[in-house]
Structures are given as C-alpha cells and as structure tokens.
Amino acid sequence: MAYQMVMENNQTVGEIAKALNLSRSTIYRYIDKKRELALG
C-alpha cells in the first residue's frame, strides 16, 4: 500500500508515513524491498 501510494501519488514519503502512522525509514525500507523484488 505504501509503495503504491509513493508511485502513484504526488505525496511525499513524510506525508504517506504520517497518514499510515509509520516512520519515514519504515516506508523507505519497504520501498527498497519492493524494488529489489521487482528487479529480481
């Protein structure tokens, strides 16, 4: 969900983190993992 929000919206990671009640570093870790899986 966070990854999709980052890729599809004009929201910053900070705004998304606040909306989901997560830290920015958690969002970045999640995004990095999704990118690794996508790249193989």
N, C-alpha and C. Protein backbone atom coordinates (compact mmCIF):
# COMPACT_ATOMS: atom_id res chain seq x y z
N MET A 1 0.82 -1.19 0.00
CA MET A 1 0.00 0.00 0.00
C MET A 1 0.87 1.26 0.00
N ALA A 2 1.86 1.30 0.85
CA ALA A 2 2.74 2.47 0.90
C ALA A 2 3.49 2.63 -0.41
N TYR A 3 3.98 1.53 -0.96
CA TYR A 3 4.70 1.58 -2.23
C TYR A 3 3.80 2.14 -3.33
N GLN A 4 2.59 1.66 -3.37
CA GLN A 4 1.63 2.13 -4.37
C GLN A 4 1.35 3.62 -4.20
N MET A 5 1.24 4.07 -2.96
CA MET A 5 0.99 5.49 -2.70
C MET A 5 2.15 6.34 -3.19
N VAL A 6 3.37 5.88 -2.97
CA VAL A 6 4.55 6.63 -3.40
C VAL A 6 4.61 6.69 -4.92
N MET A 7 4.35 5.58 -5.58
CA MET A 7 4.49 5.51 -7.02
C MET A 7 3.35 6.21 -7.77
N GLU A 8 2.16 6.24 -7.20
CA GLU A 8 1.01 6.75 -7.93
C GLU A 8 0.56 8.15 -7.53
N ASN A 9 1.03 8.65 -6.42
CA ASN A 9 0.56 9.94 -5.92
C ASN A 9 1.67 10.97 -5.87
N ASN A 10 1.28 12.19 -5.69
CA ASN A 10 2.24 13.28 -5.55
C ASN A 10 2.53 13.57 -4.09
N GLN A 11 2.30 12.61 -3.23
CA GLN A 11 2.56 12.78 -1.81
C GLN A 11 4.02 12.48 -1.51
N THR A 12 4.54 13.15 -0.52
CA THR A 12 5.90 12.86 -0.08
C THR A 12 5.89 11.64 0.81
N VAL A 13 7.06 11.06 1.01
CA VAL A 13 7.18 9.92 1.91
C VAL A 13 6.76 10.33 3.31
N GLY A 14 7.09 11.54 3.71
CA GLY A 14 6.69 12.03 5.02
C GLY A 14 5.18 12.09 5.18
N GLU A 15 4.50 12.55 4.15
CA GLU A 15 3.03 12.63 4.20
C GLU A 15 2.41 11.24 4.26
N ILE A 16 2.96 10.32 3.50
CA ILE A 16 2.45 8.94 3.50
C ILE A 16 2.71 8.29 4.85
N ALA A 17 3.89 8.49 5.39
CA ALA A 17 4.22 7.93 6.70
C ALA A 17 3.26 8.44 7.77
N LYS A 18 2.98 9.71 7.72
CA LYS A 18 2.05 10.29 8.69
C LYS A 18 0.65 9.71 8.52
N ALA A 19 0.20 9.57 7.29
CA ALA A 19 -1.13 9.03 7.02
C ALA A 19 -1.26 7.58 7.49
N LEU A 20 -0.17 6.81 7.38
CA LEU A 20 -0.19 5.40 7.77
C LEU A 20 0.32 5.16 9.18
N ASN A 21 0.70 6.23 9.86
CA ASN A 21 1.24 6.16 11.22
C ASN A 21 2.49 5.27 11.28
N LEU A 22 3.39 5.48 10.32
CA LEU A 22 4.66 4.78 10.24
C LEU A 22 5.78 5.81 10.16
N SER A 23 7.00 5.36 10.42
CA SER A 23 8.14 6.27 10.27
C SER A 23 8.54 6.32 8.80
N ARG A 24 9.22 7.40 8.44
CA ARG A 24 9.71 7.52 7.06
C ARG A 24 10.70 6.40 6.75
N SER A 25 11.54 6.05 7.72
CA SER A 25 12.52 4.99 7.46
C SER A 25 11.84 3.65 7.18
N THR A 26 10.72 3.39 7.82
CA THR A 26 9.96 2.16 7.55
C THR A 26 9.44 2.18 6.12
N ILE A 27 8.94 3.31 5.68
CA ILE A 27 8.44 3.44 4.31
C ILE A 27 9.58 3.21 3.31
N TYR A 28 10.73 3.83 3.56
CA TYR A 28 11.88 3.65 2.66
C TYR A 28 12.35 2.20 2.62
N ARG A 29 12.38 1.52 3.76
CA ARG A 29 12.77 0.11 3.78
C ARG A 29 11.81 -0.72 2.95
N TYR A 30 10.54 -0.46 3.09
CA TYR A 30 9.53 -1.19 2.35
C TYR A 30 9.68 -0.95 0.84
N ILE A 31 9.90 0.30 0.46
CA ILE A 31 10.08 0.63 -0.96
C ILE A 31 11.31 -0.07 -1.51
N ASP A 32 12.41 -0.07 -0.77
CA ASP A 32 13.64 -0.74 -1.22
C ASP A 32 13.41 -2.23 -1.43
N LYS A 33 12.69 -2.86 -0.53
CA LYS A 33 12.42 -4.30 -0.67
C LYS A 33 11.56 -4.58 -1.89
N LYS A 34 10.55 -3.74 -2.12
CA LYS A 34 9.70 -3.93 -3.29
C LYS A 34 10.50 -3.77 -4.58
N ARG A 35 11.41 -2.81 -4.62
CA ARG A 35 12.23 -2.60 -5.81
C ARG A 35 13.16 -3.78 -6.04
N GLU A 36 13.74 -4.32 -4.97
CA GLU A 36 14.61 -5.49 -5.10
C GLU A 36 13.85 -6.66 -5.69
N LEU A 37 12.64 -6.89 -5.21
CA LEU A 37 11.83 -7.99 -5.73
C LEU A 37 11.46 -7.77 -7.19
N ALA A 38 11.18 -6.54 -7.54
CA ALA A 38 10.80 -6.23 -8.92
C ALA A 38 11.98 -6.41 -9.88
N LEU A 39 13.17 -6.10 -9.40
CA LEU A 39 14.36 -6.21 -10.25
C LEU A 39 14.91 -7.63 -10.31
N GLY A 40 14.54 -8.43 -9.33
CA GLY A 40 14.97 -9.83 -9.33
C GLY A 40 16.23 -9.98 -8.67
